[in-house]
Amino acid sequence: MALTKDILPNCIAQRSERTVVWPNGQKWIQLACGNCGKDGGLVLEVDYDRAKNFAFYLCEPCAEKWSPLVDTYMAPDEAFWQKVHDAQMEELGRELTPMEVVEALKDDNHFLTKLCKDRHDLKSIT
């Protein structure tokens, strides 16, 4: 009997306006939940290229329903946003306004920009 692997679906949104460009010029590709199809996830275009045109995403309700997925790594949105909050409190003692975040992300050396670029390296908080 041949060994088979379960393959996760590619969750890149299948529509013409795939790319979202933020005011700071970063290009994001929209994702849809691999289970229910709900819009939600975004992946940086440079990360998408590095991942060989594949991305998998589950919305929070589906992730709770189907987790843990065997042999996969998950970092919930809450874990990332908690890290963003903690970094702002540590560095600045407050959270930035949305416009301050946009300005901060224009600077490649800003701690928030580095955190966003390293998002794929965050460990899941359980």
PDB file of N, CA and C in Angstrom:
ATOM      1  N   MET A   1       0.836  -1.166   0.000  1.00  0.00           N
ATOM      2  CA  MET A   1       0.000   0.000   0.000  1.00  0.00           C
ATOM      3  C   MET A   1       0.896   1.250   0.000  1.00  0.00           C
ATOM      4  N   ALA A   2       0.610   2.173  -0.885  1.00  0.00           N
ATOM      5  CA  ALA A   2       1.396   3.396  -0.994  1.00  0.00           C
ATOM      6  C   ALA A   2       1.007   4.365   0.118  1.00  0.00           C
ATOM      7  N   LEU A   3       1.996   5.064   0.629  1.00  0.00           N
ATOM      8  CA  LEU A   3       1.776   6.062   1.655  1.00  0.00           C
ATOM      9  C   LEU A   3       1.274   7.339   0.994  1.00  0.00           C
ATOM     10  N   THR A   4       0.207   7.923   1.521  1.00  0.00           N
ATOM     11  CA  THR A   4      -0.303   9.175   0.960  1.00  0.00           C
ATOM     12  C   THR A   4      -0.288  10.246   2.039  1.00  0.00           C
ATOM     13  N   LYS A   5      -0.171  11.479   1.611  1.00  0.00           N
ATOM     14  CA  LYS A   5      -0.206  12.612   2.517  1.00  0.00           C
ATOM     15  C   LYS A   5      -1.451  13.424   2.237  1.00  0.00           C
ATOM     16  N   ASP A   6      -2.060  13.938   3.313  1.00  0.00           N
ATOM     17  CA  ASP A   6      -3.153  14.877   3.133  1.00  0.00           C
ATOM     18  C   ASP A   6      -2.567  16.199   2.683  1.00  0.00           C
ATOM     19  N   ILE A   7      -3.180  16.801   1.693  1.00  0.00           N
ATOM     20  CA  ILE A   7      -2.695  18.065   1.163  1.00  0.00           C
ATOM     21  C   ILE A   7      -3.680  19.162   1.565  1.00  0.00           C
ATOM     22  N   LEU A   8      -3.151  20.243   2.122  1.00  0.00           N
ATOM     23  CA  LEU A   8      -3.994  21.378   2.478  1.00  0.00           C
ATOM     24  C   LEU A   8      -4.320  22.172   1.216  1.00  0.00           C
ATOM     25  N   PRO A   9      -5.511  22.778   1.163  1.00  0.00           N
ATOM     26  CA  PRO A   9      -5.875  23.577  -0.017  1.00  0.00           C
ATOM     27  C   PRO A   9      -5.123  24.896  -0.049  1.00  0.00           C
ATOM     28  N   ASN A  10      -4.871  25.380  -1.247  1.00  0.00           N
ATOM     29  CA  ASN A  10      -4.287  26.700  -1.422  1.00  0.00           C
ATOM     30  C   ASN A  10      -5.402  27.712  -1.181  1.00  0.00           C
ATOM     31  N   CYS A  11      -5.198  28.648  -0.275  1.00  0.00           N
ATOM     32  CA  CYS A  11      -6.261  29.559   0.154  1.00  0.00           C
ATOM     33  C   CYS A  11      -6.187  30.942  -0.476  1.00  0.00           C
ATOM     34  N   ILE A  12      -5.431  31.089  -1.541  1.00  0.00           N
ATOM     35  CA  ILE A  12      -5.332  32.383  -2.210  1.00  0.00           C
ATOM     36  C   ILE A  12      -6.665  32.677  -2.873  1.00  0.00           C
ATOM     37  N   ALA A  13      -7.204  33.858  -2.585  1.00  0.00           N
ATOM     38  CA  ALA A  13      -8.522  34.233  -3.108  1.00  0.00           C
ATOM     39  C   ALA A  13      -8.519  34.188  -4.632  1.00  0.00           C
ATOM     40  N   GLN A  14      -9.539  33.597  -5.179  1.00  0.00           N
ATOM     41  CA  GLN A  14      -9.650  33.448  -6.629  1.00  0.00           C
ATOM     42  C   GLN A  14     -10.535  34.541  -7.215  1.00  0.00           C
ATOM     43  N   ARG A  15      -9.990  35.726  -7.305  1.00  0.00           N
ATOM     44  CA  ARG A  15     -10.696  36.846  -7.926  1.00  0.00           C
ATOM     45  C   ARG A  15      -9.676  37.808  -8.496  1.00  0.00           C
ATOM     46  N   SER A  16     -10.140  38.710  -9.321  1.00  0.00           N
ATOM     47  CA  SER A  16      -9.210  39.573 -10.038  1.00  0.00           C
ATOM     48  C   SER A  16      -8.479  40.557  -9.131  1.00  0.00           C
ATOM     49  N   GLU A  17      -9.136  41.095  -8.098  1.00  0.00           N
ATOM     50  CA  GLU A  17      -8.477  42.069  -7.223  1.00  0.00           C
ATOM     51  C   GLU A  17      -7.798  41.369  -6.053  1.00  0.00           C
ATOM     52  N   ARG A  18      -6.846  40.492  -6.375  1.00  0.00           N
ATOM     53  CA  ARG A  18      -6.137  39.686  -5.377  1.00  0.00           C
ATOM     54  C   ARG A  18      -5.253  40.493  -4.453  1.00  0.00           C
ATOM     55  N   THR A  19      -4.608  41.521  -4.976  1.00  0.00           N
ATOM     56  CA  THR A  19      -3.605  42.247  -4.211  1.00  0.00           C
ATOM     57  C   THR A  19      -4.197  43.510  -3.591  1.00  0.00           C
ATOM     58  N   VAL A  20      -3.909  43.704  -2.308  1.00  0.00           N
ATOM     59  CA  VAL A  20      -4.297  44.906  -1.579  1.00  0.00           C
ATOM     60  C   VAL A  20      -3.018  45.678  -1.318  1.00  0.00           C
ATOM     61  N   VAL A  21      -3.007  46.968  -1.636  1.00  0.00           N
ATOM     62  CA  VAL A  21      -1.825  47.788  -1.396  1.00  0.00           C
ATOM     63  C   VAL A  21      -2.143  48.742  -0.251  1.00  0.00           C
ATOM     64  N   TRP A  22      -1.356  48.659   0.817  1.00  0.00           N
ATOM     65  CA  TRP A  22      -1.547  49.535   1.966  1.00  0.00           C
ATOM     66  C   TRP A  22      -0.913  50.877   1.686  1.00  0.00           C
ATOM     67  N   PRO A  23      -1.291  51.906   2.441  1.00  0.00           N
ATOM     68  CA  PRO A  23      -0.742  53.247   2.199  1.00  0.00           C
ATOM     69  C   PRO A  23       0.780  53.314   2.239  1.00  0.00           C
ATOM     70  N   ASN A  24       1.422  52.388   2.955  1.00  0.00           N
ATOM     71  CA  ASN A  24       2.881  52.415   3.021  1.00  0.00           C
ATOM     72  C   ASN A  24       3.528  51.686   1.845  1.00  0.00           C
ATOM     73  N   GLY A  25       2.728  51.221   0.894  1.00  0.00           N
ATOM     74  CA  GLY A  25       3.263  50.572  -0.295  1.00  0.00           C
ATOM     75  C   GLY A  25       3.408  49.066  -0.194  1.00  0.00           C
ATOM     76  N   GLN A  26       3.176  48.489   0.994  1.00  0.00           N
ATOM     77  CA  GLN A  26       3.257  47.035   1.122  1.00  0.00           C
ATOM     78  C   GLN A  26       2.108  46.390   0.355  1.00  0.00           C
ATOM     79  N   LYS A  27       2.432  45.321  -0.364  1.00  0.00           N
ATOM     80  CA  LYS A  27       1.420  44.615  -1.150  1.00  0.00           C
ATOM     81  C   LYS A  27       1.048  43.315  -0.430  1.00  0.00           C
ATOM     82  N   TRP A  28      -0.244  43.118  -0.228  1.00  0.00           N
ATOM     83  CA  TRP A  28      -0.774  41.955   0.476  1.00  0.00           C
ATOM     84  C   TRP A  28      -1.696  41.183  -0.457  1.00  0.00           C
ATOM     85  N   ILE A  29      -1.665  39.882  -0.365  1.00  0.00           N
ATOM     86  CA  ILE A  29      -2.543  39.021  -1.156  1.00  0.00           C
ATOM     87  C   ILE A  29      -3.619  38.481  -0.230  1.00  0.00           C
ATOM     88  N   GLN A  30      -4.863  38.588  -0.677  1.00  0.00           N
ATOM     89  CA  GLN A  30      -5.994  38.158   0.137  1.00  0.00           C
ATOM     90  C   GLN A  30      -6.120  36.644   0.141  1.00  0.00           C
ATOM     91  N   LEU A  31      -6.526  36.124   1.304  1.00  0.00           N
ATOM     92  CA  LEU A  31      -6.751  34.693   1.472  1.00  0.00           C
ATOM     93  C   LEU A  31      -8.190  34.455   1.890  1.00  0.00           C
ATOM     94  N   ALA A  32      -8.651  33.255   1.635  1.00  0.00           N
ATOM     95  CA  ALA A  32      -9.971  32.826   2.087  1.00  0.00           C
ATOM     96  C   ALA A  32      -9.778  31.587   2.957  1.00  0.00           C
ATOM     97  N   CYS A  33     -10.645  31.404   3.936  1.00  0.00           N
ATOM     98  CA  CYS A  33     -10.535  30.261   4.845  1.00  0.00           C
ATOM     99  C   CYS A  33     -10.572  28.957   4.049  1.00  0.00           C
ATOM    100  N   GLY A  34      -9.654  28.057   4.366  1.00  0.00           N
ATOM    101  CA  GLY A  34      -9.560  26.769   3.679  1.00  0.00           C
ATOM    102  C   GLY A  34     -10.715  25.841   3.989  1.00  0.00           C
ATOM    103  N   ASN A  35     -11.536  26.166   4.985  1.00  0.00           N
ATOM    104  CA  ASN A  35     -12.672  25.324   5.337  1.00  0.00           C
ATOM    105  C   ASN A  35     -13.994  25.936   4.881  1.00  0.00           C
ATOM    106  N   CYS A  36     -14.287  27.172   5.305  1.00  0.00           N
ATOM    107  CA  CYS A  36     -15.600  27.769   5.013  1.00  0.00           C
ATOM    108  C   CYS A  36     -15.574  28.781   3.870  1.00  0.00           C
ATOM    109  N   GLY A  37     -14.390  29.227   3.443  1.00  0.00           N
ATOM    110  CA  GLY A  37     -14.283  30.168   2.328  1.00  0.00           C
ATOM    111  C   GLY A  37     -14.413  31.630   2.715  1.00  0.00           C
ATOM    112  N   LYS A  38     -14.567  31.930   4.009  1.00  0.00           N
ATOM    113  CA  LYS A  38     -14.714  33.299   4.479  1.00  0.00           C
ATOM    114  C   LYS A  38     -13.429  34.092   4.231  1.00  0.00           C
ATOM    115  N   ASP A  39     -13.593  35.345   3.746  1.00  0.00           N
ATOM    116  CA  ASP A  39     -12.438  36.232   3.576  1.00  0.00           C
ATOM    117  C   ASP A  39     -11.811  36.509   4.928  1.00  0.00           C
ATOM    118  N   GLY A  40     -10.512  36.749   4.928  1.00  0.00           N
ATOM    119  CA  GLY A  40      -9.929  37.095   6.206  1.00  0.00           C
ATOM    120  C   GLY A  40      -8.438  37.238   6.217  1.00  0.00           C
ATOM    121  N   GLY A  41      -7.722  36.260   5.786  1.00  0.00           N
ATOM    122  CA  GLY A  41      -6.276  36.295   5.891  1.00  0.00           C
ATOM    123  C   GLY A  41      -5.628  37.167   4.838  1.00  0.00           C
ATOM    124  N   LEU A  42      -4.429  37.614   5.144  1.00  0.00           N
ATOM    125  CA  LEU A  42      -3.597  38.348   4.197  1.00  0.00           C
ATOM    126  C   LEU A  42      -2.184  37.820   4.336  1.00  0.00           C
ATOM    127  N   VAL A  43      -1.475  37.764   3.247  1.00  0.00           N
ATOM    128  CA  VAL A  43      -0.072  37.375   3.275  1.00  0.00           C
ATOM    129  C   VAL A  43       0.706  38.394   2.448  1.00  0.00           C
ATOM    130  N   LEU A  44       1.863  38.818   2.982  1.00  0.00           N
ATOM    131  CA  LEU A  44       2.692  39.749   2.221  1.00  0.00           C
ATOM    132  C   LEU A  44       3.091  39.123   0.898  1.00  0.00           C
ATOM    133  N   GLU A  45       3.087  39.920  -0.154  1.00  0.00           N
ATOM    134  CA  GLU A  45       3.431  39.404  -1.475  1.00  0.00           C
ATOM    135  C   GLU A  45       4.821  38.770  -1.481  1.00  0.00           C
ATOM    136  N   VAL A  46       5.776  39.345  -0.747  1.00  0.00           N
ATOM    137  CA  VAL A  46       7.124  38.766  -0.720  1.00  0.00           C
ATOM    138  C   VAL A  46       7.113  37.406  -0.025  1.00  0.00           C
ATOM    139  N   ASP A  47       6.273  37.241   1.005  1.00  0.00           N
ATOM    140  CA  ASP A  47       6.150  35.939   1.667  1.00  0.00           C
ATOM    141  C   ASP A  47       5.493  34.929   0.734  1.00  0.00           C
ATOM    142  N   TYR A  48       4.519  35.387  -0.041  1.00  0.00           N
ATOM    143  CA  TYR A  48       3.815  34.544  -1.005  1.00  0.00           C
ATOM    144  C   TYR A  48       4.804  34.008  -2.045  1.00  0.00           C
ATOM    145  N   ASP A  49       5.676  34.874  -2.538  1.00  0.00           N
ATOM    146  CA  ASP A  49       6.683  34.442  -3.508  1.00  0.00           C
ATOM    147  C   ASP A  49       7.642  33.431  -2.884  1.00  0.00           C
ATOM    148  N   ARG A  50       8.035  33.686  -1.609  1.00  0.00           N
ATOM    149  CA  ARG A  50       8.950  32.790  -0.915  1.00  0.00           C
ATOM    150  C   ARG A  50       8.306  31.427  -0.666  1.00  0.00           C
ATOM    151  N   ALA A  51       6.990  31.394  -0.481  1.00  0.00           N
ATOM    152  CA  ALA A  51       6.278  30.141  -0.210  1.00  0.00           C
ATOM    153  C   ALA A  51       5.860  29.428  -1.494  1.00  0.00           C
ATOM    154  N   LYS A  52       6.399  29.836  -2.608  1.00  0.00           N
ATOM    155  CA  LYS A  52       6.151  29.196  -3.904  1.00  0.00           C
ATOM    156  C   LYS A  52       4.659  29.216  -4.279  1.00  0.00           C
ATOM    157  N   ASN A  53       4.043  30.398  -4.121  1.00  0.00           N
ATOM    158  CA  ASN A  53       2.659  30.628  -4.543  1.00  0.00           C
ATOM    159  C   ASN A  53       1.647  29.745  -3.819  1.00  0.00           C
ATOM    160  N   PHE A  54       1.903  29.467  -2.541  1.00  0.00           N
ATOM    161  CA  PHE A  54       0.973  28.681  -1.739  1.00  0.00           C
ATOM    162  C   PHE A  54       0.790  29.347  -0.384  1.00  0.00           C
ATOM    163  N   ALA A  55      -0.444  29.388   0.086  1.00  0.00           N
ATOM    164  CA  ALA A  55      -0.732  29.882   1.430  1.00  0.00           C
ATOM    165  C   ALA A  55      -1.969  29.158   1.940  1.00  0.00           C
ATOM    166  N   PHE A  56      -1.966  28.810   3.211  1.00  0.00           N
ATOM    167  CA  PHE A  56      -3.117  28.163   3.837  1.00  0.00           C
ATOM    168  C   PHE A  56      -3.570  29.018   5.004  1.00  0.00           C
ATOM    169  N   TYR A  57      -4.883  29.178   5.156  1.00  0.00           N
ATOM    170  CA  TYR A  57      -5.456  30.027   6.195  1.00  0.00           C
ATOM    171  C   TYR A  57      -6.754  29.412   6.698  1.00  0.00           C
ATOM    172  N   LEU A  58      -6.936  29.452   8.014  1.00  0.00           N
ATOM    173  CA  LEU A  58      -8.215  29.103   8.628  1.00  0.00           C
ATOM    174  C   LEU A  58      -8.683  30.296   9.436  1.00  0.00           C
ATOM    175  N   CYS A  59      -9.967  30.652   9.320  1.00  0.00           N
ATOM    176  CA  CYS A  59     -10.518  31.703  10.168  1.00  0.00           C
ATOM    177  C   CYS A  59     -10.538  31.178  11.606  1.00  0.00           C
ATOM    178  N   GLU A  60     -10.684  32.064  12.560  1.00  0.00           N
ATOM    179  CA  GLU A  60     -10.630  31.661  13.966  1.00  0.00           C
ATOM    180  C   GLU A  60     -11.675  30.587  14.320  1.00  0.00           C
ATOM    181  N   PRO A  61     -12.965  30.731  13.914  1.00  0.00           N
ATOM    182  CA  PRO A  61     -13.926  29.671  14.264  1.00  0.00           C
ATOM    183  C   PRO A  61     -13.553  28.303  13.679  1.00  0.00           C
ATOM    184  N   CYS A  62     -13.088  28.271  12.441  1.00  0.00           N
ATOM    185  CA  CYS A  62     -12.696  26.998  11.825  1.00  0.00           C
ATOM    186  C   CYS A  62     -11.421  26.444  12.461  1.00  0.00           C
ATOM    187  N   ALA A  63     -10.494  27.333  12.826  1.00  0.00           N
ATOM    188  CA  ALA A  63      -9.262  26.887  13.486  1.00  0.00           C
ATOM    189  C   ALA A  63      -9.596  26.239  14.827  1.00  0.00           C
ATOM    190  N   GLU A  64     -10.541  26.835  15.552  1.00  0.00           N
ATOM    191  CA  GLU A  64     -10.956  26.245  16.827  1.00  0.00           C
ATOM    192  C   GLU A  64     -11.637  24.896  16.612  1.00  0.00           C
ATOM    193  N   LYS A  65     -12.431  24.813  15.553  1.00  0.00           N
ATOM    194  CA  LYS A  65     -13.172  23.579  15.272  1.00  0.00           C
ATOM    195  C   LYS A  65     -12.253  22.448  14.818  1.00  0.00           C
ATOM    196  N   TRP A  66     -11.248  22.746  13.971  1.00  0.00           N
ATOM    197  CA  TRP A  66     -10.443  21.706  13.329  1.00  0.00           C
ATOM    198  C   TRP A  66      -9.042  21.542  13.912  1.00  0.00           C
ATOM    199  N   SER A  67      -8.672  22.348  14.873  1.00  0.00           N
ATOM    200  CA  SER A  67      -7.319  22.238  15.439  1.00  0.00           C
ATOM    201  C   SER A  67      -7.238  21.096  16.425  1.00  0.00           C
ATOM    202  N   PRO A  68      -6.071  20.541  16.621  1.00  0.00           N
ATOM    203  CA  PRO A  68      -4.833  20.856  15.908  1.00  0.00           C
ATOM    204  C   PRO A  68      -4.745  20.087  14.596  1.00  0.00           C
ATOM    205  N   LEU A  69      -4.181  20.723  13.585  1.00  0.00           N
ATOM    206  CA  LEU A  69      -3.928  20.059  12.310  1.00  0.00           C
ATOM    207  C   LEU A  69      -2.582  19.360  12.420  1.00  0.00           C
ATOM    208  N   VAL A  70      -2.541  18.101  12.094  1.00  0.00           N
ATOM    209  CA  VAL A  70      -1.322  17.302  12.233  1.00  0.00           C
ATOM    210  C   VAL A  70      -0.220  17.857  11.333  1.00  0.00           C
ATOM    211  N   ASP A  71       0.989  17.942  11.864  1.00  0.00           N
ATOM    212  CA  ASP A  71       2.184  18.388  11.136  1.00  0.00           C
ATOM    213  C   ASP A  71       2.073  19.804  10.583  1.00  0.00           C
ATOM    214  N   THR A  72       1.290  20.665  11.226  1.00  0.00           N
ATOM    215  CA  THR A  72       1.212  22.061  10.790  1.00  0.00           C
ATOM    216  C   THR A  72       1.491  22.964  11.976  1.00  0.00           C
ATOM    217  N   TYR A  73       1.863  24.172  11.675  1.00  0.00           N
ATOM    218  CA  TYR A  73       2.155  25.192  12.669  1.00  0.00           C
ATOM    219  C   TYR A  73       1.066  26.244  12.580  1.00  0.00           C
ATOM    220  N   MET A  74       0.562  26.686  13.705  1.00  0.00           N
ATOM    221  CA  MET A  74      -0.472  27.716  13.698  1.00  0.00           C
ATOM    222  C   MET A  74      -0.095  28.850  14.638  1.00  0.00           C
ATOM    223  N   ALA A  75      -0.227  30.071  14.174  1.00  0.00           N
ATOM    224  CA  ALA A  75      -0.071  31.251  15.016  1.00  0.00           C
ATOM    225  C   ALA A  75      -1.363  32.043  14.904  1.00  0.00           C
ATOM    226  N   PRO A  76      -2.206  31.975  15.916  1.00  0.00           N
ATOM    227  CA  PRO A  76      -3.477  32.700  15.828  1.00  0.00           C
ATOM    228  C   PRO A  76      -3.267  34.201  15.718  1.00  0.00           C
ATOM    229  N   ASP A  77      -4.226  34.875  15.097  1.00  0.00           N
ATOM    230  CA  ASP A  77      -4.158  36.329  14.977  1.00  0.00           C
ATOM    231  C   ASP A  77      -3.979  36.974  16.345  1.00  0.00           C
ATOM    232  N   GLU A  78      -4.662  36.412  17.365  1.00  0.00           N
ATOM    233  CA  GLU A  78      -4.556  36.987  18.702  1.00  0.00           C
ATOM    234  C   GLU A  78      -3.111  36.971  19.201  1.00  0.00           C
ATOM    235  N   ALA A  79      -2.364  35.916  18.882  1.00  0.00           N
ATOM    236  CA  ALA A  79      -0.965  35.826  19.313  1.00  0.00           C
ATOM    237  C   ALA A  79      -0.135  36.927  18.663  1.00  0.00           C
ATOM    238  N   PHE A  80      -0.348  37.164  17.373  1.00  0.00           N
ATOM    239  CA  PHE A  80       0.398  38.204  16.668  1.00  0.00           C
ATOM    240  C   PHE A  80       0.054  39.585  17.223  1.00  0.00           C
ATOM    241  N   TRP A  81      -1.249  39.876  17.358  1.00  0.00           N
ATOM    242  CA  TRP A  81      -1.646  41.207  17.812  1.00  0.00           C
ATOM    243  C   TRP A  81      -1.239  41.453  19.261  1.00  0.00           C
ATOM    244  N   GLN A  82      -1.179  40.401  20.071  1.00  0.00           N
ATOM    245  CA  GLN A  82      -0.691  40.553  21.438  1.00  0.00           C
ATOM    246  C   GLN A  82       0.789  40.928  21.418  1.00  0.00           C
ATOM    247  N   LYS A  83       1.537  40.322  20.505  1.00  0.00           N
ATOM    248  CA  LYS A  83       2.964  40.642  20.375  1.00  0.00           C
ATOM    249  C   LYS A  83       3.149  42.091  19.899  1.00  0.00           C
ATOM    250  N   VAL A  84       2.290  42.546  18.983  1.00  0.00           N
ATOM    251  CA  VAL A  84       2.346  43.938  18.517  1.00  0.00           C
ATOM    252  C   VAL A  84       2.054  44.881  19.681  1.00  0.00           C
ATOM    253  N   HIS A  85       1.021  44.574  20.450  1.00  0.00           N
ATOM    254  CA  HIS A  85       0.667  45.408  21.610  1.00  0.00           C
ATOM    255  C   HIS A  85       1.828  45.455  22.608  1.00  0.00           C
ATOM    256  N   ASP A  86       2.371  44.279  22.942  1.00  0.00           N
ATOM    257  CA  ASP A  86       3.465  44.200  23.909  1.00  0.00           C
ATOM    258  C   ASP A  86       4.688  44.993  23.445  1.00  0.00           C
ATOM    259  N   ALA A  87       5.003  44.900  22.154  1.00  0.00           N
ATOM    260  CA  ALA A  87       6.165  45.626  21.618  1.00  0.00           C
ATOM    261  C   ALA A  87       5.955  47.133  21.718  1.00  0.00           C
ATOM    262  N   GLN A  88       4.748  47.605  21.417  1.00  0.00           N
ATOM    263  CA  GLN A  88       4.464  49.035  21.514  1.00  0.00           C
ATOM    264  C   GLN A  88       4.550  49.522  22.963  1.00  0.00           C
ATOM    265  N   MET A  89       4.016  48.739  23.890  1.00  0.00           N
ATOM    266  CA  MET A  89       4.050  49.132  25.296  1.00  0.00           C
ATOM    267  C   MET A  89       5.492  49.151  25.813  1.00  0.00           C
ATOM    268  N   GLU A  90       6.286  48.192  25.381  1.00  0.00           N
ATOM    269  CA  GLU A  90       7.678  48.129  25.818  1.00  0.00           C
ATOM    270  C   GLU A  90       8.503  49.276  25.248  1.00  0.00           C
ATOM    271  N   GLU A  91       8.327  49.542  23.955  1.00  0.00           N
ATOM    272  CA  GLU A  91       9.137  50.567  23.285  1.00  0.00           C
ATOM    273  C   GLU A  91       8.639  51.986  23.557  1.00  0.00           C
ATOM    274  N   LEU A  92       7.297  52.154  23.595  1.00  0.00           N
ATOM    275  CA  LEU A  92       6.734  53.507  23.641  1.00  0.00           C
ATOM    276  C   LEU A  92       5.899  53.805  24.881  1.00  0.00           C
ATOM    277  N   GLY A  93       5.476  52.769  25.574  1.00  0.00           N
ATOM    278  CA  GLY A  93       4.621  52.979  26.736  1.00  0.00           C
ATOM    279  C   GLY A  93       3.170  53.241  26.379  1.00  0.00           C
ATOM    280  N   ARG A  94       2.815  53.097  25.113  1.00  0.00           N
ATOM    281  CA  ARG A  94       1.435  53.308  24.638  1.00  0.00           C
ATOM    282  C   ARG A  94       1.268  52.643  23.287  1.00  0.00           C
ATOM    283  N   GLU A  95       0.009  52.534  22.858  1.00  0.00           N
ATOM    284  CA  GLU A  95      -0.248  52.022  21.509  1.00  0.00           C
ATOM    285  C   GLU A  95      -0.264  53.180  20.523  1.00  0.00           C
ATOM    286  N   LEU A  96       0.239  52.924  19.342  1.00  0.00           N
ATOM    287  CA  LEU A  96       0.235  53.939  18.287  1.00  0.00           C
ATOM    288  C   LEU A  96      -1.170  54.104  17.710  1.00  0.00           C
ATOM    289  N   THR A  97      -1.454  55.292  17.204  1.00  0.00           N
ATOM    290  CA  THR A  97      -2.708  55.523  16.487  1.00  0.00           C
ATOM    291  C   THR A  97      -2.593  54.846  15.119  1.00  0.00           C
ATOM    292  N   PRO A  98      -3.712  54.603  14.443  1.00  0.00           N
ATOM    293  CA  PRO A  98      -3.621  53.994  13.108  1.00  0.00           C
ATOM    294  C   PRO A  98      -2.718  54.763  12.140  1.00  0.00           C
ATOM    295  N   MET A  99      -2.778  56.091  12.154  1.00  0.00           N
ATOM    296  CA  MET A  99      -1.921  56.874  11.254  1.00  0.00           C
ATOM    297  C   MET A  99      -0.450  56.755  11.649  1.00  0.00           C
ATOM    298  N   GLU A 100      -0.163  56.658  12.945  1.00  0.00           N
ATOM    299  CA  GLU A 100       1.215  56.472  13.389  1.00  0.00           C
ATOM    300  C   GLU A 100       1.738  55.101  12.955  1.00  0.00           C
ATOM    301  N   VAL A 101       0.863  54.106  12.954  1.00  0.00           N
ATOM    302  CA  VAL A 101       1.257  52.766  12.493  1.00  0.00           C
ATOM    303  C   VAL A 101       1.614  52.812  11.011  1.00  0.00           C
ATOM    304  N   VAL A 102       0.784  53.491  10.207  1.00  0.00           N
ATOM    305  CA  VAL A 102       1.055  53.617   8.778  1.00  0.00           C
ATOM    306  C   VAL A 102       2.420  54.268   8.562  1.00  0.00           C
ATOM    307  N   GLU A 103       2.692  55.334   9.284  1.00  0.00           N
ATOM    308  CA  GLU A 103       3.988  56.018   9.157  1.00  0.00           C
ATOM    309  C   GLU A 103       5.137  55.119   9.619  1.00  0.00           C
ATOM    310  N   ALA A 104       4.927  54.400  10.715  1.00  0.00           N
ATOM    311  CA  ALA A 104       5.978  53.515  11.234  1.00  0.00           C
ATOM    312  C   ALA A 104       6.326  52.422  10.230  1.00  0.00           C
ATOM    313  N   LEU A 105       5.320  51.888   9.544  1.00  0.00           N
ATOM    314  CA  LEU A 105       5.551  50.802   8.602  1.00  0.00           C
ATOM    315  C   LEU A 105       6.255  51.250   7.317  1.00  0.00           C
ATOM    316  N   LYS A 106       6.369  52.552   7.116  1.00  0.00           N
ATOM    317  CA  LYS A 106       7.137  53.067   5.972  1.00  0.00           C
ATOM    318  C   LYS A 106       8.637  52.949   6.216  1.00  0.00           C
ATOM    319  N   ASP A 107       9.027  52.824   7.488  1.00  0.00           N
ATOM    320  CA  ASP A 107      10.435  52.758   7.880  1.00  0.00           C
ATOM    321  C   ASP A 107      10.838  51.292   8.062  1.00  0.00           C
ATOM    322  N   ASP A 108      11.724  50.800   7.201  1.00  0.00           N
ATOM    323  CA  ASP A 108      12.156  49.401   7.275  1.00  0.00           C
ATOM    324  C   ASP A 108      12.857  49.057   8.579  1.00  0.00           C
ATOM    325  N   ASN A 109      13.358  50.055   9.300  1.00  0.00           N
ATOM    326  CA  ASN A 109      14.079  49.803  10.545  1.00  0.00           C
ATOM    327  C   ASN A 109      13.209  49.936  11.796  1.00  0.00           C
ATOM    328  N   HIS A 110      11.947  50.284  11.621  1.00  0.00           N
ATOM    329  CA  HIS A 110      11.052  50.448  12.776  1.00  0.00           C
ATOM    330  C   HIS A 110      10.726  49.076  13.369  1.00  0.00           C
ATOM    331  N   PHE A 111      10.589  49.006  14.681  1.00  0.00           N
ATOM    332  CA  PHE A 111      10.347  47.726  15.341  1.00  0.00           C
ATOM    333  C   PHE A 111       9.048  47.067  14.879  1.00  0.00           C
ATOM    334  N   LEU A 112       8.014  47.854  14.545  1.00  0.00           N
ATOM    335  CA  LEU A 112       6.764  47.258  14.059  1.00  0.00           C
ATOM    336  C   LEU A 112       6.929  46.654  12.668  1.00  0.00           C
ATOM    337  N   THR A 113       7.697  47.308  11.820  1.00  0.00           N
ATOM    338  CA  THR A 113       7.952  46.772  10.480  1.00  0.00           C
ATOM    339  C   THR A 113       8.686  45.444  10.581  1.00  0.00           C
ATOM    340  N   LYS A 114       9.694  45.397  11.445  1.00  0.00           N
ATOM    341  CA  LYS A 114      10.450  44.152  11.633  1.00  0.00           C
ATOM    342  C   LYS A 114       9.548  43.051  12.184  1.00  0.00           C
ATOM    343  N   LEU A 115       8.670  43.398  13.108  1.00  0.00           N
ATOM    344  CA  LEU A 115       7.751  42.418  13.676  1.00  0.00           C
ATOM    345  C   LEU A 115       6.805  41.879  12.605  1.00  0.00           C
ATOM    346  N   CYS A 116       6.308  42.764  11.751  1.00  0.00           N
ATOM    347  CA  CYS A 116       5.411  42.328  10.665  1.00  0.00           C
ATOM    348  C   CYS A 116       6.130  41.412   9.679  1.00  0.00           C
ATOM    349  N   LYS A 117       7.359  41.747   9.343  1.00  0.00           N
ATOM    350  CA  LYS A 117       8.114  40.922   8.399  1.00  0.00           C
ATOM    351  C   LYS A 117       8.452  39.565   8.982  1.00  0.00           C
ATOM    352  N   ASP A 118       8.590  39.502  10.313  1.00  0.00           N
ATOM    353  CA  ASP A 118       8.937  38.247  10.976  1.00  0.00           C
ATOM    354  C   ASP A 118       7.721  37.488  11.479  1.00  0.00           C
ATOM    355  N   ARG A 119       6.535  37.898  11.096  1.00  0.00           N
ATOM    356  CA  ARG A 119       5.312  37.275  11.614  1.00  0.00           C
ATOM    357  C   ARG A 119       5.298  35.770  11.418  1.00  0.00           C
ATOM    358  N   HIS A 120       5.817  35.300  10.305  1.00  0.00           N
ATOM    359  CA  HIS A 120       5.801  33.862  10.032  1.00  0.00           C
ATOM    360  C   HIS A 120       6.686  33.085  10.996  1.00  0.00           C
ATOM    361  N   ASP A 121       7.548  33.770  11.740  1.00  0.00           N
ATOM    362  CA  ASP A 121       8.418  33.111  12.695  1.00  0.00           C
ATOM    363  C   ASP A 121       7.859  33.074  14.113  1.00  0.00           C
ATOM    364  N   LEU A 122       6.701  33.739  14.354  1.00  0.00           N
ATOM    365  CA  LEU A 122       6.147  33.777  15.691  1.00  0.00           C
ATOM    366  C   LEU A 122       5.710  32.387  16.141  1.00  0.00           C
ATOM    367  N   LYS A 123       5.901  32.118  17.396  1.00  0.00           N
ATOM    368  CA  LYS A 123       5.469  30.850  17.969  1.00  0.00           C
ATOM    369  C   LYS A 123       4.039  30.995  18.474  1.00  0.00           C
ATOM    370  N   SER A 124       3.277  29.958  18.340  1.00  0.00           N
ATOM    371  CA  SER A 124       1.897  29.964  18.806  1.00  0.00           C
ATOM    372  C   SER A 124       1.838  30.071  20.325  1.00  0.00           C
ATOM    373  N   ILE A 125       0.925  30.875  20.808  1.00  0.00           N
ATOM    374  CA  ILE A 125       0.704  30.989  22.252  1.00  0.00           C
ATOM    375  C   ILE A 125      -0.412  30.031  22.610  1.00  0.00           C
ATOM    376  N   THR A 126      -0.107  29.052  23.454  1.00  0.00           N
ATOM    377  CA  THR A 126      -1.136  28.089  23.863  1.00  0.00           C
ATOM    378  C   THR A 126      -1.233  28.002  25.353  1.00  0.00           C
TER     379      THR A 126
END
